[in-house]
Amino acid sequence: MNGFWRPRILGAWRVPATGPVILAVNHTHFVDGPMLMGTAPRPVHFLIKKEAFIGPLDPFLRGIGQLKVDRSGADRSAVTGALAVLEQGGVLGIFPEGTRGEGDFASLRGGLTYFAVRSGAPVVPVAVLGGDERPGRLVKALPALGSRVDVIFGDAFHAGDGSGRRTRAALDEATAGLQRRLRAHLENARRLTGRAG
């Protein structure tokens, strides 16, 4: 990452040094996941759409511990793999919105809430900012070479009410709480870095 861009990492000390943790990351650009994997203080296992596991990327992604997910329905093997990462004390990276977009946590899919409540792992909000500001001249899908990309880690917190209940009402309430915390972190990260929304 340092060879192509100028990442600025803020708050990496907030990621617990040991034990299971979930990194909940905004997603506006293709480079967000690789940037976090390359700069996080611990190895990160992401749930990545199965369409990315093609050609030489397939063995590479598997080799670095990434998890293939079929987004067309409930993918039991992806869920089992993600829970296993957390049970083994690893770091699970999740894009709560499910796909690239505005990256403002406006609509969360259920995966983050389910993994956070089911595992009891703390959630660390992460904002990746700047990847979509200046497209590269040669490869428009990537940020311009040498541009600044900020990765801002927030304070760890636990989702839900601590009861571990997974009723629809409990999960809905936990999702609303997660969304408030993630959006507050994103707003703070933008203010801290001087980047507009």
N, C-alpha and C. Protein backbone atom coordinates (compact mmCIF):
# COMPACT_ATOMS: atom_id res chain seq x y z
N MET A 1 0.82 -1.20 0.00
CA MET A 1 0.00 0.00 0.00
C MET A 1 0.87 1.26 0.00
N ASN A 2 1.97 1.22 0.78
CA ASN A 2 2.85 2.39 0.86
C ASN A 2 3.58 2.65 -0.45
N GLY A 3 3.73 1.63 -1.28
CA GLY A 3 4.42 1.81 -2.54
C GLY A 3 3.60 2.56 -3.58
N PHE A 4 2.28 2.49 -3.47
CA PHE A 4 1.40 3.12 -4.46
C PHE A 4 0.74 4.40 -3.94
N TRP A 5 0.37 4.39 -2.65
CA TRP A 5 -0.34 5.54 -2.09
C TRP A 5 0.34 5.98 -0.80
N ARG A 6 -0.23 6.99 -0.17
CA ARG A 6 0.31 7.48 1.10
C ARG A 6 -0.73 7.26 2.19
N PRO A 7 -0.83 6.02 2.71
CA PRO A 7 -1.82 5.77 3.75
C PRO A 7 -1.44 6.48 5.05
N ARG A 8 -2.45 7.04 5.70
CA ARG A 8 -2.28 7.64 7.02
C ARG A 8 -3.18 6.85 7.96
N ILE A 9 -2.59 6.20 8.94
CA ILE A 9 -3.32 5.32 9.84
C ILE A 9 -3.51 6.03 11.17
N LEU A 10 -4.74 6.15 11.60
CA LEU A 10 -5.06 6.84 12.85
C LEU A 10 -5.85 5.90 13.76
N GLY A 11 -5.41 5.78 14.99
CA GLY A 11 -6.14 5.01 16.00
C GLY A 11 -5.98 3.50 15.92
N ALA A 12 -4.95 2.99 15.24
CA ALA A 12 -4.77 1.54 15.14
C ALA A 12 -4.64 0.90 16.52
N TRP A 13 -4.17 1.64 17.50
CA TRP A 13 -4.03 1.14 18.87
C TRP A 13 -5.38 0.76 19.48
N ARG A 14 -6.46 1.22 18.87
CA ARG A 14 -7.79 0.90 19.40
C ARG A 14 -8.23 -0.53 19.09
N VAL A 15 -7.56 -1.19 18.16
CA VAL A 15 -7.88 -2.58 17.83
C VAL A 15 -7.31 -3.46 18.94
N PRO A 16 -8.16 -4.25 19.63
CA PRO A 16 -7.64 -5.12 20.68
C PRO A 16 -6.50 -5.98 20.16
N ALA A 17 -5.44 -6.10 20.94
CA ALA A 17 -4.24 -6.82 20.52
C ALA A 17 -4.44 -8.32 20.42
N THR A 18 -5.37 -8.85 21.18
CA THR A 18 -5.65 -10.29 21.16
C THR A 18 -7.15 -10.51 21.22
N GLY A 19 -7.56 -11.72 20.91
CA GLY A 19 -8.97 -12.10 21.00
C GLY A 19 -9.75 -11.72 19.77
N PRO A 20 -10.97 -12.23 19.69
CA PRO A 20 -11.79 -11.96 18.51
C PRO A 20 -12.20 -10.50 18.41
N VAL A 21 -12.26 -10.00 17.20
CA VAL A 21 -12.71 -8.62 16.96
C VAL A 21 -13.29 -8.54 15.55
N ILE A 22 -14.28 -7.67 15.40
CA ILE A 22 -14.88 -7.43 14.09
C ILE A 22 -14.57 -5.99 13.68
N LEU A 23 -13.98 -5.84 12.50
CA LEU A 23 -13.75 -4.50 11.94
C LEU A 23 -14.89 -4.19 10.99
N ALA A 24 -15.68 -3.18 11.30
CA ALA A 24 -16.82 -2.77 10.47
C ALA A 24 -16.38 -1.56 9.64
N VAL A 25 -16.26 -1.76 8.32
CA VAL A 25 -15.60 -0.80 7.45
C VAL A 25 -16.58 -0.20 6.44
N ASN A 26 -16.51 1.13 6.26
CA ASN A 26 -17.30 1.75 5.19
C ASN A 26 -16.69 1.32 3.85
N HIS A 27 -17.48 1.39 2.78
CA HIS A 27 -16.99 0.85 1.51
C HIS A 27 -17.44 1.73 0.35
N THR A 28 -16.50 2.57 -0.13
CA THR A 28 -16.81 3.44 -1.26
C THR A 28 -15.97 3.11 -2.48
N HIS A 29 -14.88 2.35 -2.27
CA HIS A 29 -13.94 2.15 -3.35
C HIS A 29 -13.34 0.76 -3.31
N PHE A 30 -12.93 0.27 -4.46
CA PHE A 30 -12.31 -1.04 -4.59
C PHE A 30 -11.11 -1.21 -3.67
N VAL A 31 -10.38 -0.15 -3.40
CA VAL A 31 -9.14 -0.23 -2.64
C VAL A 31 -9.36 -0.31 -1.12
N ASP A 32 -10.59 -0.12 -0.64
CA ASP A 32 -10.85 -0.08 0.80
C ASP A 32 -10.40 -1.36 1.51
N GLY A 33 -10.81 -2.51 1.00
CA GLY A 33 -10.44 -3.78 1.63
C GLY A 33 -8.95 -4.03 1.61
N PRO A 34 -8.30 -3.97 0.43
CA PRO A 34 -6.86 -4.16 0.40
C PRO A 34 -6.10 -3.15 1.27
N MET A 35 -6.57 -1.91 1.31
CA MET A 35 -5.90 -0.90 2.13
C MET A 35 -5.97 -1.29 3.61
N LEU A 36 -7.13 -1.75 4.05
CA LEU A 36 -7.26 -2.15 5.45
C LEU A 36 -6.41 -3.40 5.73
N MET A 37 -6.45 -4.37 4.82
CA MET A 37 -5.65 -5.58 5.03
C MET A 37 -4.16 -5.25 5.11
N GLY A 38 -3.72 -4.27 4.35
CA GLY A 38 -2.31 -3.92 4.33
C GLY A 38 -1.86 -3.01 5.46
N THR A 39 -2.80 -2.42 6.18
CA THR A 39 -2.40 -1.45 7.20
C THR A 39 -2.91 -1.79 8.60
N ALA A 40 -3.80 -2.75 8.74
CA ALA A 40 -4.35 -3.11 10.06
C ALA A 40 -3.25 -3.71 10.94
N PRO A 41 -3.36 -3.51 12.25
CA PRO A 41 -2.33 -4.03 13.16
C PRO A 41 -2.37 -5.56 13.34
N ARG A 42 -3.44 -6.19 12.86
CA ARG A 42 -3.57 -7.65 12.93
C ARG A 42 -4.09 -8.16 11.60
N PRO A 43 -3.80 -9.43 11.25
CA PRO A 43 -4.33 -9.98 10.00
C PRO A 43 -5.86 -9.97 9.99
N VAL A 44 -6.44 -9.60 8.85
CA VAL A 44 -7.90 -9.46 8.73
C VAL A 44 -8.42 -10.48 7.72
N HIS A 45 -9.51 -11.15 8.10
CA HIS A 45 -10.19 -12.10 7.23
C HIS A 45 -11.51 -11.45 6.79
N PHE A 46 -11.63 -11.17 5.50
CA PHE A 46 -12.83 -10.53 4.98
C PHE A 46 -13.76 -11.55 4.35
N LEU A 47 -15.04 -11.27 4.41
CA LEU A 47 -16.03 -11.97 3.61
C LEU A 47 -16.03 -11.25 2.26
N ILE A 48 -15.64 -11.97 1.20
CA ILE A 48 -15.50 -11.36 -0.13
C ILE A 48 -16.42 -12.10 -1.09
N LYS A 49 -17.10 -11.35 -1.95
CA LYS A 49 -18.03 -11.96 -2.90
C LYS A 49 -17.33 -13.02 -3.74
N LYS A 50 -18.04 -14.11 -4.00
CA LYS A 50 -17.45 -15.26 -4.70
C LYS A 50 -16.95 -14.89 -6.09
N GLU A 51 -17.53 -13.87 -6.69
CA GLU A 51 -17.13 -13.46 -8.04
C GLU A 51 -15.67 -12.99 -8.10
N ALA A 52 -15.10 -12.60 -6.95
CA ALA A 52 -13.71 -12.14 -6.92
C ALA A 52 -12.72 -13.30 -6.95
N PHE A 53 -13.21 -14.50 -6.62
CA PHE A 53 -12.33 -15.67 -6.55
C PHE A 53 -12.21 -16.33 -7.93
N ILE A 54 -11.56 -15.62 -8.84
CA ILE A 54 -11.40 -16.15 -10.20
C ILE A 54 -9.92 -16.14 -10.58
N GLY A 55 -9.55 -17.05 -11.45
CA GLY A 55 -8.19 -17.11 -11.97
C GLY A 55 -7.16 -17.15 -10.86
N PRO A 56 -6.05 -16.42 -11.04
CA PRO A 56 -4.99 -16.45 -10.03
C PRO A 56 -5.37 -15.79 -8.71
N LEU A 57 -6.45 -14.99 -8.71
CA LEU A 57 -6.90 -14.38 -7.45
C LEU A 57 -7.46 -15.43 -6.49
N ASP A 58 -8.03 -16.51 -7.02
CA ASP A 58 -8.64 -17.52 -6.16
C ASP A 58 -7.63 -18.10 -5.17
N PRO A 59 -6.52 -18.71 -5.62
CA PRO A 59 -5.59 -19.27 -4.63
C PRO A 59 -4.92 -18.19 -3.77
N PHE A 60 -4.74 -17.00 -4.33
CA PHE A 60 -4.14 -15.91 -3.55
C PHE A 60 -5.05 -15.51 -2.39
N LEU A 61 -6.34 -15.25 -2.70
CA LEU A 61 -7.28 -14.83 -1.66
C LEU A 61 -7.44 -15.91 -0.59
N ARG A 62 -7.55 -17.16 -1.03
CA ARG A 62 -7.66 -18.25 -0.05
C ARG A 62 -6.39 -18.34 0.80
N GLY A 63 -5.23 -18.17 0.15
CA GLY A 63 -3.95 -18.28 0.85
C GLY A 63 -3.76 -17.24 1.93
N ILE A 64 -4.36 -16.07 1.77
CA ILE A 64 -4.24 -15.02 2.80
C ILE A 64 -5.44 -15.02 3.73
N GLY A 65 -6.23 -16.10 3.68
CA GLY A 65 -7.29 -16.29 4.67
C GLY A 65 -8.60 -15.58 4.41
N GLN A 66 -8.86 -15.19 3.16
CA GLN A 66 -10.12 -14.51 2.88
C GLN A 66 -11.24 -15.54 2.67
N LEU A 67 -12.46 -15.15 2.96
CA LEU A 67 -13.60 -16.05 2.95
C LEU A 67 -14.53 -15.74 1.78
N LYS A 68 -14.85 -16.75 1.01
CA LYS A 68 -15.74 -16.58 -0.14
C LYS A 68 -17.19 -16.61 0.33
N VAL A 69 -18.00 -15.66 -0.16
CA VAL A 69 -19.41 -15.63 0.20
C VAL A 69 -20.26 -15.49 -1.06
N ASP A 70 -21.32 -16.29 -1.10
CA ASP A 70 -22.30 -16.21 -2.18
C ASP A 70 -23.40 -15.28 -1.69
N ARG A 71 -23.48 -14.10 -2.29
CA ARG A 71 -24.42 -13.08 -1.81
C ARG A 71 -25.84 -13.28 -2.33
N SER A 72 -26.07 -14.33 -3.14
CA SER A 72 -27.40 -14.54 -3.70
C SER A 72 -28.38 -15.14 -2.69
N GLY A 73 -27.87 -15.62 -1.57
CA GLY A 73 -28.73 -16.20 -0.54
C GLY A 73 -27.94 -16.41 0.73
N ALA A 74 -28.52 -17.15 1.66
CA ALA A 74 -27.83 -17.45 2.92
C ALA A 74 -26.74 -18.48 2.63
N ASP A 75 -25.48 -18.08 2.81
CA ASP A 75 -24.33 -18.93 2.52
C ASP A 75 -23.82 -19.51 3.84
N ARG A 76 -24.26 -20.74 4.15
CA ARG A 76 -23.93 -21.37 5.42
C ARG A 76 -22.42 -21.57 5.61
N SER A 77 -21.71 -21.93 4.54
CA SER A 77 -20.28 -22.17 4.70
C SER A 77 -19.54 -20.86 5.00
N ALA A 78 -19.98 -19.77 4.43
CA ALA A 78 -19.36 -18.47 4.72
C ALA A 78 -19.63 -18.06 6.17
N VAL A 79 -20.85 -18.29 6.64
CA VAL A 79 -21.21 -17.98 8.03
C VAL A 79 -20.37 -18.82 8.98
N THR A 80 -20.28 -20.12 8.69
CA THR A 80 -19.49 -21.03 9.53
C THR A 80 -18.03 -20.61 9.55
N GLY A 81 -17.48 -20.25 8.37
CA GLY A 81 -16.09 -19.82 8.29
C GLY A 81 -15.83 -18.54 9.06
N ALA A 82 -16.76 -17.59 8.97
CA ALA A 82 -16.60 -16.31 9.68
C ALA A 82 -16.66 -16.52 11.19
N LEU A 83 -17.60 -17.34 11.64
CA LEU A 83 -17.70 -17.62 13.07
C LEU A 83 -16.45 -18.35 13.57
N ALA A 84 -15.89 -19.23 12.73
CA ALA A 84 -14.67 -19.96 13.10
C ALA A 84 -13.50 -18.99 13.29
N VAL A 85 -13.40 -17.97 12.43
CA VAL A 85 -12.35 -16.95 12.58
C VAL A 85 -12.45 -16.32 13.97
N LEU A 86 -13.67 -15.95 14.36
CA LEU A 86 -13.88 -15.30 15.65
C LEU A 86 -13.65 -16.27 16.81
N GLU A 87 -14.12 -17.51 16.68
CA GLU A 87 -13.92 -18.51 17.73
C GLU A 87 -12.44 -18.78 17.98
N GLN A 88 -11.63 -18.64 16.92
CA GLN A 88 -10.19 -18.87 17.05
C GLN A 88 -9.43 -17.60 17.46
N GLY A 89 -10.18 -16.55 17.81
CA GLY A 89 -9.56 -15.32 18.28
C GLY A 89 -9.03 -14.43 17.19
N GLY A 90 -9.55 -14.58 15.97
CA GLY A 90 -9.09 -13.80 14.84
C GLY A 90 -9.88 -12.52 14.61
N VAL A 91 -9.51 -11.82 13.53
CA VAL A 91 -10.14 -10.55 13.16
C VAL A 91 -10.96 -10.76 11.90
N LEU A 92 -12.24 -10.44 11.99
CA LEU A 92 -13.16 -10.55 10.86
C LEU A 92 -13.46 -9.16 10.34
N GLY A 93 -13.22 -8.92 9.05
CA GLY A 93 -13.55 -7.64 8.44
C GLY A 93 -14.88 -7.75 7.70
N ILE A 94 -15.75 -6.78 7.92
CA ILE A 94 -17.07 -6.78 7.29
C ILE A 94 -17.38 -5.40 6.73
N PHE A 95 -17.92 -5.39 5.50
CA PHE A 95 -18.50 -4.18 4.94
C PHE A 95 -19.99 -4.26 5.27
N PRO A 96 -20.46 -3.56 6.30
CA PRO A 96 -21.84 -3.72 6.78
C PRO A 96 -22.91 -3.42 5.74
N GLU A 97 -22.56 -2.59 4.74
CA GLU A 97 -23.56 -2.26 3.72
C GLU A 97 -23.62 -3.31 2.63
N GLY A 98 -22.69 -4.26 2.66
CA GLY A 98 -22.74 -5.39 1.74
C GLY A 98 -22.05 -5.18 0.41
N THR A 99 -21.93 -3.94 -0.03
CA THR A 99 -21.34 -3.67 -1.33
C THR A 99 -20.85 -2.23 -1.36
N ARG A 100 -20.07 -1.89 -2.39
CA ARG A 100 -19.60 -0.50 -2.51
C ARG A 100 -20.78 0.42 -2.77
N GLY A 101 -20.67 1.62 -2.24
CA GLY A 101 -21.72 2.61 -2.43
C GLY A 101 -21.26 3.95 -1.88
N GLU A 102 -22.16 4.64 -1.21
CA GLU A 102 -21.83 5.93 -0.62
C GLU A 102 -20.89 5.79 0.57
N GLY A 103 -20.88 4.61 1.19
CA GLY A 103 -19.99 4.38 2.33
C GLY A 103 -20.35 5.17 3.56
N ASP A 104 -21.65 5.47 3.71
CA ASP A 104 -22.08 6.30 4.84
C ASP A 104 -22.86 5.52 5.90
N PHE A 105 -22.86 4.19 5.78
CA PHE A 105 -23.55 3.30 6.72
C PHE A 105 -25.05 3.62 6.78
N ALA A 106 -25.62 4.12 5.69
CA ALA A 106 -27.04 4.49 5.68
C ALA A 106 -27.95 3.26 5.78
N SER A 107 -27.52 2.14 5.22
CA SER A 107 -28.34 0.93 5.32
C SER A 107 -27.42 -0.25 5.60
N LEU A 108 -27.65 -0.90 6.73
CA LEU A 108 -26.82 -2.04 7.11
C LEU A 108 -27.54 -3.34 6.80
N ARG A 109 -26.80 -4.30 6.27
CA ARG A 109 -27.34 -5.63 6.09
C ARG A 109 -27.17 -6.37 7.42
N GLY A 110 -27.80 -7.51 7.55
CA GLY A 110 -27.85 -8.20 8.84
C GLY A 110 -26.59 -8.91 9.27
N GLY A 111 -25.61 -9.09 8.39
CA GLY A 111 -24.44 -9.88 8.72
C GLY A 111 -23.65 -9.37 9.91
N LEU A 112 -23.35 -8.08 9.94
CA LEU A 112 -22.57 -7.51 11.03
C LEU A 112 -23.26 -7.76 12.37
N THR A 113 -24.55 -7.46 12.44
CA THR A 113 -25.28 -7.63 13.68
C THR A 113 -25.26 -9.09 14.12
N TYR A 114 -25.53 -9.99 13.20
CA TYR A 114 -25.55 -11.41 13.53
C TYR A 114 -24.21 -11.86 14.11
N PHE A 115 -23.11 -11.55 13.41
CA PHE A 115 -21.79 -12.00 13.88
C PHE A 115 -21.42 -11.36 15.22
N ALA A 116 -21.75 -10.08 15.38
CA ALA A 116 -21.40 -9.38 16.62
C ALA A 116 -22.18 -9.94 17.80
N VAL A 117 -23.48 -10.15 17.63
CA VAL A 117 -24.31 -10.65 18.73
C VAL A 117 -24.01 -12.12 19.00
N ARG A 118 -23.90 -12.91 17.95
CA ARG A 118 -23.67 -14.36 18.11
C ARG A 118 -22.32 -14.64 18.76
N SER A 119 -21.26 -13.93 18.34
CA SER A 119 -19.92 -14.21 18.84
C SER A 119 -19.59 -13.47 20.13
N GLY A 120 -20.25 -12.33 20.35
CA GLY A 120 -19.90 -11.49 21.49
C GLY A 120 -18.62 -10.70 21.28
N ALA A 121 -18.04 -10.78 20.07
CA ALA A 121 -16.78 -10.07 19.77
C ALA A 121 -17.02 -8.57 19.73
N PRO A 122 -16.06 -7.79 20.20
CA PRO A 122 -16.20 -6.34 20.09
C PRO A 122 -16.12 -5.90 18.63
N VAL A 123 -16.79 -4.80 18.33
CA VAL A 123 -16.79 -4.22 16.99
C VAL A 123 -15.94 -2.96 17.02
N VAL A 124 -15.03 -2.84 16.06
CA VAL A 124 -14.23 -1.62 15.90
C VAL A 124 -14.66 -0.97 14.59
N PRO A 125 -15.25 0.24 14.65
CA PRO A 125 -15.60 0.92 13.40
C PRO A 125 -14.34 1.44 12.70
N VAL A 126 -14.34 1.32 11.37
CA VAL A 126 -13.19 1.78 10.59
C VAL A 126 -13.71 2.62 9.42
N ALA A 127 -13.12 3.78 9.25
CA ALA A 127 -13.44 4.64 8.10
C ALA A 127 -12.22 4.70 7.20
N VAL A 128 -12.42 4.35 5.92
CA VAL A 128 -11.38 4.49 4.91
C VAL A 128 -11.82 5.65 4.02
N LEU A 129 -11.03 6.71 4.02
CA LEU A 129 -11.40 7.93 3.31
C LEU A 129 -10.34 8.33 2.30
N GLY A 130 -10.77 8.78 1.13
CA GLY A 130 -9.85 9.31 0.15
C GLY A 130 -9.65 8.44 -1.07
N GLY A 131 -10.06 7.18 -1.01
CA GLY A 131 -9.86 6.29 -2.14
C GLY A 131 -10.62 6.70 -3.39
N ASP A 132 -11.71 7.43 -3.20
CA ASP A 132 -12.54 7.80 -4.34
C ASP A 132 -12.40 9.27 -4.74
N GLU A 133 -11.43 10.00 -4.16
CA GLU A 133 -11.34 11.43 -4.43
C GLU A 133 -10.62 11.77 -5.73
N ARG A 134 -9.52 11.09 -6.02
CA ARG A 134 -8.74 11.38 -7.23
C ARG A 134 -8.47 10.09 -7.98
N PRO A 135 -9.20 9.82 -9.07
CA PRO A 135 -8.93 8.59 -9.83
C PRO A 135 -7.58 8.66 -10.52
N GLY A 136 -6.97 7.48 -10.66
CA GLY A 136 -5.67 7.41 -11.33
C GLY A 136 -5.78 7.74 -12.81
N ARG A 137 -4.66 8.16 -13.40
CA ARG A 137 -4.67 8.49 -14.82
C ARG A 137 -4.67 7.25 -15.69
N LEU A 138 -3.90 6.25 -15.31
CA LEU A 138 -3.80 5.03 -16.11
C LEU A 138 -4.92 4.04 -15.80
N VAL A 139 -5.19 3.86 -14.51
CA VAL A 139 -6.24 2.93 -14.09
C VAL A 139 -7.27 3.73 -13.29
N LYS A 140 -8.36 4.10 -13.95
CA LYS A 140 -9.37 4.96 -13.33
C LYS A 140 -10.03 4.32 -12.10
N ALA A 141 -10.00 2.96 -12.04
CA ALA A 141 -10.65 2.26 -10.93
C ALA A 141 -9.84 2.35 -9.64
N LEU A 142 -8.61 2.87 -9.70
CA LEU A 142 -7.77 2.99 -8.52
C LEU A 142 -7.50 4.46 -8.22
N PRO A 143 -7.21 4.76 -6.95
CA PRO A 143 -6.85 6.15 -6.63
C PRO A 143 -5.56 6.54 -7.34
N ALA A 144 -5.38 7.82 -7.57
CA ALA A 144 -4.15 8.32 -8.21
C ALA A 144 -2.94 7.90 -7.39
N LEU A 145 -1.88 7.51 -8.07
CA LEU A 145 -0.66 7.13 -7.39
C LEU A 145 -0.18 8.28 -6.50
N GLY A 146 0.26 7.93 -5.31
CA GLY A 146 0.78 8.93 -4.39
C GLY A 146 -0.27 9.71 -3.63
N SER A 147 -1.56 9.42 -3.86
CA SER A 147 -2.59 10.18 -3.15
C SER A 147 -2.74 9.67 -1.71
N ARG A 148 -3.24 10.53 -0.86
CA ARG A 148 -3.43 10.23 0.56
C ARG A 148 -4.71 9.43 0.74
N VAL A 149 -4.61 8.30 1.44
CA VAL A 149 -5.79 7.52 1.84
C VAL A 149 -5.73 7.37 3.35
N ASP A 150 -6.77 7.81 4.03
CA ASP A 150 -6.82 7.75 5.50
C ASP A 150 -7.57 6.52 5.96
N VAL A 151 -7.02 5.84 6.98
CA VAL A 151 -7.68 4.70 7.62
C VAL A 151 -7.79 5.06 9.09
N ILE A 152 -9.03 5.24 9.56
CA ILE A 152 -9.26 5.72 10.92
C ILE A 152 -10.03 4.67 11.71
N PHE A 153 -9.40 4.15 12.77
CA PHE A 153 -10.02 3.15 13.64
C PHE A 153 -10.71 3.85 14.80
N GLY A 154 -11.91 3.40 15.13
CA GLY A 154 -12.65 3.97 16.26
C GLY A 154 -12.54 3.11 17.49
N ASP A 155 -13.25 3.52 18.54
CA ASP A 155 -13.25 2.77 19.79
C ASP A 155 -14.05 1.49 19.66
N ALA A 156 -13.53 0.41 20.25
CA ALA A 156 -14.23 -0.88 20.25
C ALA A 156 -15.46 -0.80 21.14
N PHE A 157 -16.52 -1.48 20.73
CA PHE A 157 -17.75 -1.55 21.54
C PHE A 157 -18.44 -2.88 21.27
N HIS A 158 -19.37 -3.24 22.15
CA HIS A 158 -20.13 -4.47 21.98
C HIS A 158 -21.53 -4.14 21.47
N ALA A 159 -22.01 -4.97 20.56
CA ALA A 159 -23.35 -4.78 19.99
C ALA A 159 -24.39 -5.42 20.91
N GLY A 160 -25.59 -4.94 20.79
CA GLY A 160 -26.71 -5.53 21.54
C GLY A 160 -26.71 -5.13 23.00
N ASP A 161 -27.56 -5.82 23.75
CA ASP A 161 -27.73 -5.48 25.16
C ASP A 161 -26.93 -6.40 26.08
N GLY A 162 -26.11 -7.25 25.50
CA GLY A 162 -25.28 -8.14 26.31
C GLY A 162 -25.94 -9.45 26.67
N SER A 163 -27.20 -9.62 26.32
CA SER A 163 -27.93 -10.85 26.68
C SER A 163 -27.64 -11.98 25.70
N GLY A 164 -27.16 -11.64 24.50
CA GLY A 164 -26.92 -12.67 23.49
C GLY A 164 -28.19 -13.10 22.76
N ARG A 165 -29.33 -12.47 23.13
CA ARG A 165 -30.60 -12.82 22.47
C ARG A 165 -30.52 -12.51 20.99
N ARG A 166 -31.11 -13.42 20.18
CA ARG A 166 -31.11 -13.22 18.73
C ARG A 166 -32.53 -13.20 18.17
N THR A 167 -33.46 -12.68 18.96
CA THR A 167 -34.82 -12.52 18.46
C THR A 167 -34.80 -11.39 17.42
N ARG A 168 -35.82 -11.34 16.60
CA ARG A 168 -35.90 -10.30 15.57
C ARG A 168 -35.84 -8.92 16.22
N ALA A 169 -36.57 -8.72 17.33
CA ALA A 169 -36.58 -7.41 18.00
C ALA A 169 -35.19 -7.07 18.54
N ALA A 170 -34.51 -8.05 19.14
CA ALA A 170 -33.18 -7.81 19.71
C ALA A 170 -32.19 -7.47 18.60
N LEU A 171 -32.26 -8.19 17.48
CA LEU A 171 -31.35 -7.93 16.36
C LEU A 171 -31.63 -6.57 15.72
N ASP A 172 -32.91 -6.22 15.59
CA ASP A 172 -33.26 -4.90 15.04
C ASP A 172 -32.72 -3.78 15.92
N GLU A 173 -32.86 -3.97 17.23
CA GLU A 173 -32.37 -2.96 18.17
C GLU A 173 -30.84 -2.86 18.10
N ALA A 174 -30.17 -4.01 18.01
CA ALA A 174 -28.71 -4.02 17.92
C ALA A 174 -28.25 -3.37 16.61
N THR A 175 -28.97 -3.62 15.51
CA THR A 175 -28.62 -3.02 14.22
C THR A 175 -28.72 -1.50 14.29
N ALA A 176 -29.79 -1.00 14.92
CA ALA A 176 -29.96 0.45 15.05
C ALA A 176 -28.82 1.05 15.87
N GLY A 177 -28.43 0.37 16.94
CA GLY A 177 -27.32 0.85 17.77
C GLY A 177 -26.00 0.83 17.01
N LEU A 178 -25.77 -0.25 16.25
CA LEU A 178 -24.55 -0.33 15.44
C LEU A 178 -24.50 0.81 14.42
N GLN A 179 -25.62 1.04 13.77
CA GLN A 179 -25.67 2.09 12.75
C GLN A 179 -25.35 3.46 13.35
N ARG A 180 -25.90 3.74 14.51
CA ARG A 180 -25.62 5.03 15.18
C ARG A 180 -24.12 5.17 15.48
N ARG A 181 -23.52 4.11 16.01
CA ARG A 181 -22.10 4.15 16.38
C ARG A 181 -21.21 4.28 15.14
N LEU A 182 -21.54 3.55 14.07
CA LEU A 182 -20.73 3.59 12.86
C LEU A 182 -20.83 4.96 12.18
N ARG A 183 -22.03 5.51 12.12
CA ARG A 183 -22.19 6.82 11.49
C ARG A 183 -21.51 7.92 12.30
N ALA A 184 -21.56 7.81 13.63
CA ALA A 184 -20.88 8.79 14.47
C ALA A 184 -19.37 8.71 14.26
N HIS A 185 -18.84 7.49 14.13
CA HIS A 185 -17.40 7.34 13.88
C HIS A 185 -17.03 7.94 12.53
N LEU A 186 -17.83 7.68 11.52
CA LEU A 186 -17.54 8.22 10.18
C LEU A 186 -17.54 9.75 10.20
N GLU A 187 -18.52 10.33 10.87
CA GLU A 187 -18.59 11.80 10.97
C GLU A 187 -17.36 12.34 11.69
N ASN A 188 -16.97 11.68 12.77
CA ASN A 188 -15.79 12.10 13.52
C ASN A 188 -14.52 11.95 12.68
N ALA A 189 -14.42 10.86 11.92
CA ALA A 189 -13.25 10.62 11.06
C ALA A 189 -13.14 11.69 9.99
N ARG A 190 -14.26 12.07 9.41
CA ARG A 190 -14.24 13.14 8.40
C ARG A 190 -13.80 14.46 9.00
N ARG A 191 -14.29 14.74 10.19
CA ARG A 191 -13.92 15.99 10.86
C ARG A 191 -12.42 15.96 11.20
N LEU A 192 -11.95 14.84 11.73
CA LEU A 192 -10.56 14.68 12.14
C LEU A 192 -9.59 14.84 10.96
N THR A 193 -9.98 14.32 9.81
CA THR A 193 -9.08 14.35 8.64
C THR A 193 -9.33 15.54 7.73
N GLY A 194 -10.39 16.29 7.98
CA GLY A 194 -10.71 17.44 7.14
C GLY A 194 -11.31 17.04 5.80
N ARG A 195 -11.84 15.81 5.71
CA ARG A 195 -12.45 15.35 4.46
C ARG A 195 -13.96 15.54 4.50
N ALA A 196 -14.51 16.07 3.43
CA ALA A 196 -15.96 16.30 3.36
C ALA A 196 -16.68 14.97 3.19
N GLY A 197 -17.98 14.99 3.42
CA GLY A 197 -18.78 13.78 3.26
C GLY A 197 -19.06 13.45 1.84
